[in-house]
Amino acid sequence: MRTDEEKLLQDYITVNLGGKEYEIKPLVIRDSREWRKKLFKLLSSLPKYATIETNDTSAFETAVSGIVNEMSDDMINLFFEYAKDLDRDEIETNATEDELSKAMDKILEVALPLVRSLTKSMAKMGQ
């Protein structure tokens, strides 16, 4: 979890990938806006996979393949679009997907602060 001081000073996001520590600069508002649109597009495709029934073997196979292969690759692409200064080839050669997942969690914490603010505001209005 980043400290308030780190958030205020726009300090780098520190991640560990392939046994090496990397720093990722948070995106500015303009770039973050475009990145969030791509994230939303990816996440909004989830329902098409969730409605597949297991008795249709072909459709189920397509859905599992979409989630396991395509969406995983799309998340990797999103990570590197955010962490645009990192050496993708080096990281893909040395890091695990678990490490990348943890790094992506850190990016999401920084990339979506306004969603947290909106959620808090809605909770206050409901009181």
N, C-alpha and C. Protein backbone atom coordinates (compact mmCIF):
# COMPACT_ATOMS: atom_id res chain seq x y z
N MET A 1 0.85 -1.18 0.00
CA MET A 1 0.00 0.00 0.00
C MET A 1 0.89 1.24 0.00
N ARG A 2 0.60 2.17 -0.88
CA ARG A 2 1.38 3.40 -0.96
C ARG A 2 0.96 4.35 0.16
N THR A 3 1.94 5.08 0.67
CA THR A 3 1.64 6.06 1.71
C THR A 3 1.01 7.29 1.09
N ASP A 4 0.35 8.12 1.91
CA ASP A 4 -0.23 9.37 1.41
C ASP A 4 0.85 10.26 0.82
N GLU A 5 2.02 10.27 1.43
CA GLU A 5 3.12 11.10 0.92
C GLU A 5 3.55 10.63 -0.48
N GLU A 6 3.64 9.33 -0.68
CA GLU A 6 4.01 8.80 -1.99
C GLU A 6 2.97 9.19 -3.03
N LYS A 7 1.70 9.11 -2.66
CA LYS A 7 0.63 9.47 -3.59
C LYS A 7 0.69 10.95 -3.93
N LEU A 8 0.90 11.79 -2.94
CA LEU A 8 0.94 13.23 -3.13
C LEU A 8 2.11 13.64 -4.01
N LEU A 9 3.26 13.03 -3.79
CA LEU A 9 4.46 13.39 -4.53
C LEU A 9 4.58 12.68 -5.87
N GLN A 10 3.60 11.89 -6.22
CA GLN A 10 3.62 11.09 -7.45
C GLN A 10 4.87 10.24 -7.53
N ASP A 11 5.26 9.67 -6.39
CA ASP A 11 6.41 8.78 -6.39
C ASP A 11 6.13 7.58 -7.27
N TYR A 12 7.19 6.99 -7.69
CA TYR A 12 7.09 5.81 -8.53
C TYR A 12 6.39 4.66 -7.81
N ILE A 13 5.78 3.81 -8.59
CA ILE A 13 5.20 2.56 -8.10
C ILE A 13 6.34 1.55 -8.16
N THR A 14 6.67 0.95 -7.06
CA THR A 14 7.77 -0.02 -7.03
C THR A 14 7.21 -1.42 -7.14
N VAL A 15 7.73 -2.19 -8.09
CA VAL A 15 7.27 -3.56 -8.32
C VAL A 15 8.48 -4.48 -8.44
N ASN A 16 8.27 -5.75 -8.16
CA ASN A 16 9.31 -6.76 -8.31
C ASN A 16 8.91 -7.72 -9.42
N LEU A 17 9.76 -7.83 -10.40
CA LEU A 17 9.49 -8.70 -11.54
C LEU A 17 10.76 -9.45 -11.91
N GLY A 18 10.68 -10.77 -11.92
CA GLY A 18 11.86 -11.56 -12.28
C GLY A 18 13.00 -11.38 -11.31
N GLY A 19 12.68 -11.15 -10.04
CA GLY A 19 13.72 -10.98 -9.03
C GLY A 19 14.40 -9.63 -9.07
N LYS A 20 13.85 -8.70 -9.83
CA LYS A 20 14.45 -7.37 -9.96
C LYS A 20 13.40 -6.32 -9.61
N GLU A 21 13.84 -5.25 -8.97
CA GLU A 21 12.93 -4.18 -8.60
C GLU A 21 12.87 -3.15 -9.73
N TYR A 22 11.64 -2.74 -10.06
CA TYR A 22 11.41 -1.73 -11.10
C TYR A 22 10.56 -0.60 -10.52
N GLU A 23 10.71 0.57 -11.10
CA GLU A 23 9.88 1.71 -10.71
C GLU A 23 9.05 2.14 -11.91
N ILE A 24 7.77 2.37 -11.65
CA ILE A 24 6.83 2.79 -12.69
C ILE A 24 6.29 4.15 -12.32
N LYS A 25 6.41 5.10 -13.20
CA LYS A 25 5.89 6.45 -12.97
C LYS A 25 4.38 6.44 -13.20
N PRO A 26 3.59 6.95 -12.25
CA PRO A 26 2.14 7.04 -12.48
C PRO A 26 1.84 7.91 -13.71
N LEU A 27 0.83 7.50 -14.45
CA LEU A 27 0.44 8.27 -15.64
C LEU A 27 -0.23 9.57 -15.24
N VAL A 28 -0.05 10.57 -16.07
CA VAL A 28 -0.76 11.84 -15.87
C VAL A 28 -2.22 11.63 -16.28
N ILE A 29 -3.08 12.56 -15.92
CA ILE A 29 -4.52 12.42 -16.13
C ILE A 29 -4.87 12.07 -17.58
N ARG A 30 -4.32 12.79 -18.53
CA ARG A 30 -4.66 12.56 -19.95
C ARG A 30 -4.34 11.13 -20.37
N ASP A 31 -3.14 10.66 -20.04
CA ASP A 31 -2.74 9.31 -20.42
C ASP A 31 -3.51 8.26 -19.63
N SER A 32 -3.76 8.56 -18.37
CA SER A 32 -4.50 7.63 -17.51
C SER A 32 -5.93 7.44 -18.02
N ARG A 33 -6.52 8.52 -18.51
CA ARG A 33 -7.89 8.45 -19.04
C ARG A 33 -7.97 7.44 -20.18
N GLU A 34 -7.04 7.51 -21.10
CA GLU A 34 -7.03 6.58 -22.24
C GLU A 34 -6.77 5.15 -21.78
N TRP A 35 -5.88 5.00 -20.81
CA TRP A 35 -5.56 3.67 -20.30
C TRP A 35 -6.78 3.07 -19.61
N ARG A 36 -7.51 3.86 -18.83
CA ARG A 36 -8.72 3.38 -18.14
C ARG A 36 -9.78 2.94 -19.14
N LYS A 37 -9.90 3.64 -20.27
CA LYS A 37 -10.87 3.24 -21.29
C LYS A 37 -10.54 1.84 -21.82
N LYS A 38 -9.27 1.56 -22.00
CA LYS A 38 -8.86 0.23 -22.47
C LYS A 38 -9.13 -0.82 -21.40
N LEU A 39 -8.88 -0.47 -20.14
CA LEU A 39 -9.18 -1.39 -19.04
C LEU A 39 -10.67 -1.69 -18.99
N PHE A 40 -11.49 -0.65 -19.10
CA PHE A 40 -12.94 -0.84 -19.07
C PHE A 40 -13.40 -1.73 -20.23
N LYS A 41 -12.85 -1.52 -21.41
CA LYS A 41 -13.23 -2.33 -22.56
C LYS A 41 -12.92 -3.81 -22.30
N LEU A 42 -11.78 -4.06 -21.71
CA LEU A 42 -11.41 -5.44 -21.40
C LEU A 42 -12.34 -6.03 -20.34
N LEU A 43 -12.57 -5.29 -19.27
CA LEU A 43 -13.43 -5.78 -18.19
C LEU A 43 -14.88 -5.96 -18.64
N SER A 44 -15.33 -5.10 -19.53
CA SER A 44 -16.72 -5.21 -19.99
C SER A 44 -16.94 -6.42 -20.89
N SER A 45 -15.87 -7.07 -21.32
CA SER A 45 -16.02 -8.29 -22.12
C SER A 45 -16.23 -9.53 -21.26
N LEU A 46 -16.05 -9.42 -19.94
CA LEU A 46 -16.21 -10.57 -19.05
C LEU A 46 -17.60 -11.21 -19.11
N PRO A 47 -18.69 -10.45 -19.14
CA PRO A 47 -20.01 -11.10 -19.14
C PRO A 47 -20.25 -12.07 -20.29
N LYS A 48 -19.64 -11.83 -21.43
CA LYS A 48 -19.85 -12.76 -22.55
C LYS A 48 -19.30 -14.15 -22.24
N TYR A 49 -18.29 -14.21 -21.36
CA TYR A 49 -17.75 -15.50 -20.95
C TYR A 49 -18.53 -16.10 -19.79
N ALA A 50 -19.09 -15.26 -18.95
CA ALA A 50 -19.77 -15.73 -17.74
C ALA A 50 -21.11 -16.39 -18.03
N THR A 51 -21.70 -16.13 -19.17
CA THR A 51 -23.03 -16.66 -19.46
C THR A 51 -22.99 -18.00 -20.21
N ILE A 52 -21.81 -18.53 -20.44
CA ILE A 52 -21.68 -19.79 -21.17
C ILE A 52 -22.02 -20.95 -20.24
N GLU A 53 -22.78 -21.91 -20.77
CA GLU A 53 -23.16 -23.08 -19.99
C GLU A 53 -22.21 -24.24 -20.29
N THR A 54 -21.95 -25.04 -19.29
CA THR A 54 -20.99 -26.13 -19.44
C THR A 54 -21.49 -27.28 -20.32
N ASN A 55 -22.79 -27.34 -20.59
CA ASN A 55 -23.30 -28.43 -21.44
C ASN A 55 -23.02 -28.19 -22.92
N ASP A 56 -22.63 -27.01 -23.30
CA ASP A 56 -22.23 -26.70 -24.67
C ASP A 56 -20.70 -26.70 -24.69
N THR A 57 -20.13 -27.87 -24.99
CA THR A 57 -18.69 -28.08 -24.88
C THR A 57 -17.89 -27.07 -25.71
N SER A 58 -18.30 -26.84 -26.93
CA SER A 58 -17.56 -25.94 -27.81
C SER A 58 -17.58 -24.50 -27.28
N ALA A 59 -18.75 -24.04 -26.86
CA ALA A 59 -18.87 -22.68 -26.33
C ALA A 59 -18.09 -22.54 -25.03
N PHE A 60 -18.13 -23.59 -24.19
CA PHE A 60 -17.40 -23.56 -22.93
C PHE A 60 -15.90 -23.50 -23.19
N GLU A 61 -15.43 -24.29 -24.14
CA GLU A 61 -14.01 -24.31 -24.50
C GLU A 61 -13.58 -22.93 -25.02
N THR A 62 -14.40 -22.32 -25.83
CA THR A 62 -14.10 -20.98 -26.34
C THR A 62 -14.04 -19.96 -25.21
N ALA A 63 -14.96 -20.06 -24.27
CA ALA A 63 -14.99 -19.13 -23.13
C ALA A 63 -13.76 -19.29 -22.25
N VAL A 64 -13.40 -20.52 -21.94
CA VAL A 64 -12.23 -20.75 -21.10
C VAL A 64 -10.97 -20.26 -21.81
N SER A 65 -10.87 -20.56 -23.09
CA SER A 65 -9.72 -20.09 -23.86
C SER A 65 -9.65 -18.56 -23.87
N GLY A 66 -10.80 -17.93 -24.00
CA GLY A 66 -10.84 -16.46 -24.01
C GLY A 66 -10.35 -15.88 -22.71
N ILE A 67 -10.79 -16.47 -21.61
CA ILE A 67 -10.38 -15.96 -20.29
C ILE A 67 -8.91 -16.27 -20.03
N VAL A 68 -8.52 -17.51 -20.25
CA VAL A 68 -7.17 -17.94 -19.89
C VAL A 68 -6.12 -17.35 -20.84
N ASN A 69 -6.40 -17.33 -22.11
CA ASN A 69 -5.40 -16.88 -23.08
C ASN A 69 -5.54 -15.42 -23.46
N GLU A 70 -6.65 -15.08 -24.09
CA GLU A 70 -6.81 -13.73 -24.62
C GLU A 70 -6.84 -12.66 -23.53
N MET A 71 -7.66 -12.86 -22.51
CA MET A 71 -7.76 -11.84 -21.47
C MET A 71 -6.46 -11.71 -20.68
N SER A 72 -5.77 -12.83 -20.48
CA SER A 72 -4.47 -12.76 -19.79
C SER A 72 -3.49 -11.95 -20.62
N ASP A 73 -3.44 -12.22 -21.91
CA ASP A 73 -2.55 -11.45 -22.79
C ASP A 73 -2.95 -9.98 -22.84
N ASP A 74 -4.25 -9.72 -22.84
CA ASP A 74 -4.72 -8.33 -22.84
C ASP A 74 -4.30 -7.60 -21.57
N MET A 75 -4.35 -8.30 -20.42
CA MET A 75 -3.92 -7.69 -19.15
C MET A 75 -2.41 -7.42 -19.18
N ILE A 76 -1.65 -8.34 -19.75
CA ILE A 76 -0.21 -8.12 -19.88
C ILE A 76 0.05 -6.90 -20.76
N ASN A 77 -0.68 -6.80 -21.85
CA ASN A 77 -0.53 -5.63 -22.73
C ASN A 77 -0.88 -4.34 -22.00
N LEU A 78 -1.95 -4.37 -21.21
CA LEU A 78 -2.33 -3.18 -20.43
C LEU A 78 -1.26 -2.81 -19.42
N PHE A 79 -0.67 -3.81 -18.79
CA PHE A 79 0.40 -3.54 -17.84
C PHE A 79 1.52 -2.76 -18.53
N PHE A 80 1.96 -3.25 -19.68
CA PHE A 80 3.07 -2.60 -20.37
C PHE A 80 2.67 -1.27 -21.02
N GLU A 81 1.40 -1.07 -21.28
CA GLU A 81 0.96 0.25 -21.74
C GLU A 81 1.05 1.27 -20.61
N TYR A 82 0.80 0.81 -19.39
CA TYR A 82 0.93 1.70 -18.24
C TYR A 82 2.41 1.88 -17.90
N ALA A 83 3.11 0.79 -17.83
CA ALA A 83 4.54 0.79 -17.48
C ALA A 83 5.37 0.87 -18.76
N LYS A 84 5.13 1.92 -19.51
CA LYS A 84 5.68 2.04 -20.86
C LYS A 84 7.20 2.17 -20.92
N ASP A 85 7.83 2.53 -19.81
CA ASP A 85 9.28 2.70 -19.81
C ASP A 85 10.04 1.42 -19.46
N LEU A 86 9.33 0.37 -19.11
CA LEU A 86 9.99 -0.87 -18.74
C LEU A 86 10.37 -1.68 -19.98
N ASP A 87 11.37 -2.51 -19.83
CA ASP A 87 11.85 -3.38 -20.91
C ASP A 87 10.98 -4.64 -20.94
N ARG A 88 10.00 -4.63 -21.82
CA ARG A 88 9.03 -5.73 -21.88
C ARG A 88 9.69 -7.07 -22.15
N ASP A 89 10.62 -7.10 -23.09
CA ASP A 89 11.27 -8.35 -23.45
C ASP A 89 12.02 -8.94 -22.25
N GLU A 90 12.74 -8.11 -21.53
CA GLU A 90 13.48 -8.57 -20.35
C GLU A 90 12.53 -9.12 -19.29
N ILE A 91 11.44 -8.40 -19.06
CA ILE A 91 10.49 -8.80 -18.02
C ILE A 91 9.75 -10.07 -18.42
N GLU A 92 9.31 -10.17 -19.66
CA GLU A 92 8.61 -11.37 -20.11
C GLU A 92 9.53 -12.60 -20.11
N THR A 93 10.82 -12.37 -20.23
CA THR A 93 11.78 -13.46 -20.22
C THR A 93 12.07 -13.94 -18.79
N ASN A 94 11.95 -13.05 -17.80
CA ASN A 94 12.38 -13.38 -16.45
C ASN A 94 11.29 -13.42 -15.38
N ALA A 95 10.20 -12.73 -15.59
CA ALA A 95 9.16 -12.61 -14.55
C ALA A 95 8.09 -13.69 -14.70
N THR A 96 7.37 -13.92 -13.60
CA THR A 96 6.24 -14.84 -13.63
C THR A 96 4.94 -14.05 -13.75
N GLU A 97 3.89 -14.73 -14.13
CA GLU A 97 2.59 -14.07 -14.21
C GLU A 97 2.09 -13.67 -12.83
N ASP A 98 2.46 -14.42 -11.80
CA ASP A 98 2.09 -14.06 -10.44
C ASP A 98 2.73 -12.73 -10.06
N GLU A 99 4.00 -12.55 -10.38
CA GLU A 99 4.67 -11.28 -10.11
C GLU A 99 3.99 -10.14 -10.87
N LEU A 100 3.66 -10.41 -12.12
CA LEU A 100 3.00 -9.39 -12.94
C LEU A 100 1.62 -9.04 -12.39
N SER A 101 0.92 -10.04 -11.87
CA SER A 101 -0.39 -9.81 -11.27
C SER A 101 -0.28 -8.89 -10.06
N LYS A 102 0.72 -9.13 -9.22
CA LYS A 102 0.93 -8.28 -8.05
C LYS A 102 1.32 -6.86 -8.47
N ALA A 103 2.11 -6.75 -9.51
CA ALA A 103 2.50 -5.43 -10.02
C ALA A 103 1.28 -4.71 -10.58
N MET A 104 0.41 -5.45 -11.26
CA MET A 104 -0.81 -4.86 -11.83
C MET A 104 -1.72 -4.37 -10.72
N ASP A 105 -1.80 -5.10 -9.60
CA ASP A 105 -2.59 -4.65 -8.46
C ASP A 105 -2.11 -3.28 -7.97
N LYS A 106 -0.81 -3.10 -7.94
CA LYS A 106 -0.26 -1.81 -7.50
C LYS A 106 -0.60 -0.70 -8.50
N ILE A 107 -0.57 -1.03 -9.77
CA ILE A 107 -0.94 -0.03 -10.79
C ILE A 107 -2.40 0.34 -10.64
N LEU A 108 -3.27 -0.65 -10.45
CA LEU A 108 -4.70 -0.38 -10.32
C LEU A 108 -5.00 0.50 -9.10
N GLU A 109 -4.24 0.32 -8.05
CA GLU A 109 -4.42 1.16 -6.86
C GLU A 109 -4.16 2.63 -7.18
N VAL A 110 -3.18 2.87 -8.02
CA VAL A 110 -2.81 4.23 -8.40
C VAL A 110 -3.69 4.76 -9.53
N ALA A 111 -4.08 3.88 -10.44
CA ALA A 111 -4.79 4.30 -11.65
C ALA A 111 -6.26 4.59 -11.42
N LEU A 112 -6.83 4.10 -10.32
CA LEU A 112 -8.27 4.25 -10.11
C LEU A 112 -8.63 4.96 -8.80
N PRO A 113 -7.93 6.00 -8.41
CA PRO A 113 -8.24 6.64 -7.13
C PRO A 113 -9.59 7.35 -7.13
N LEU A 114 -10.03 7.83 -8.28
CA LEU A 114 -11.30 8.55 -8.34
C LEU A 114 -12.48 7.61 -8.15
N VAL A 115 -12.32 6.34 -8.49
CA VAL A 115 -13.37 5.36 -8.25
C VAL A 115 -13.57 5.21 -6.74
N ARG A 116 -12.46 5.16 -6.00
CA ARG A 116 -12.55 5.09 -4.53
C ARG A 116 -13.25 6.32 -3.98
N SER A 117 -12.90 7.51 -4.51
CA SER A 117 -13.52 8.75 -4.04
C SER A 117 -15.02 8.74 -4.33
N LEU A 118 -15.38 8.28 -5.51
CA LEU A 118 -16.79 8.22 -5.89
C LEU A 118 -17.55 7.27 -4.96
N THR A 119 -16.96 6.12 -4.69
CA THR A 119 -17.59 5.14 -3.80
C THR A 119 -17.80 5.73 -2.40
N LYS A 120 -16.79 6.43 -1.90
CA LYS A 120 -16.90 7.06 -0.58
C LYS A 120 -18.00 8.13 -0.59
N SER A 121 -18.06 8.92 -1.66
CA SER A 121 -19.08 9.97 -1.75
C SER A 121 -20.48 9.37 -1.76
N MET A 122 -20.66 8.29 -2.51
CA MET A 122 -21.98 7.64 -2.58
C MET A 122 -22.37 7.08 -1.23
N ALA A 123 -21.39 6.54 -0.49
CA ALA A 123 -21.68 6.01 0.85
C ALA A 123 -22.10 7.11 1.79
N LYS A 124 -21.46 8.27 1.69
CA LYS A 124 -21.82 9.40 2.55
C LYS A 124 -23.22 9.91 2.22
N MET A 125 -23.57 9.93 0.95
CA MET A 125 -24.90 10.40 0.55
C MET A 125 -25.98 9.46 1.05
N GLY A 126 -25.65 8.18 1.18
CA GLY A 126 -26.61 7.20 1.63
C GLY A 126 -26.82 7.18 3.13
N GLN A 127 -26.01 7.95 3.86
CA GLN A 127 -26.12 7.96 5.32
C GLN A 127 -27.22 8.86 5.79
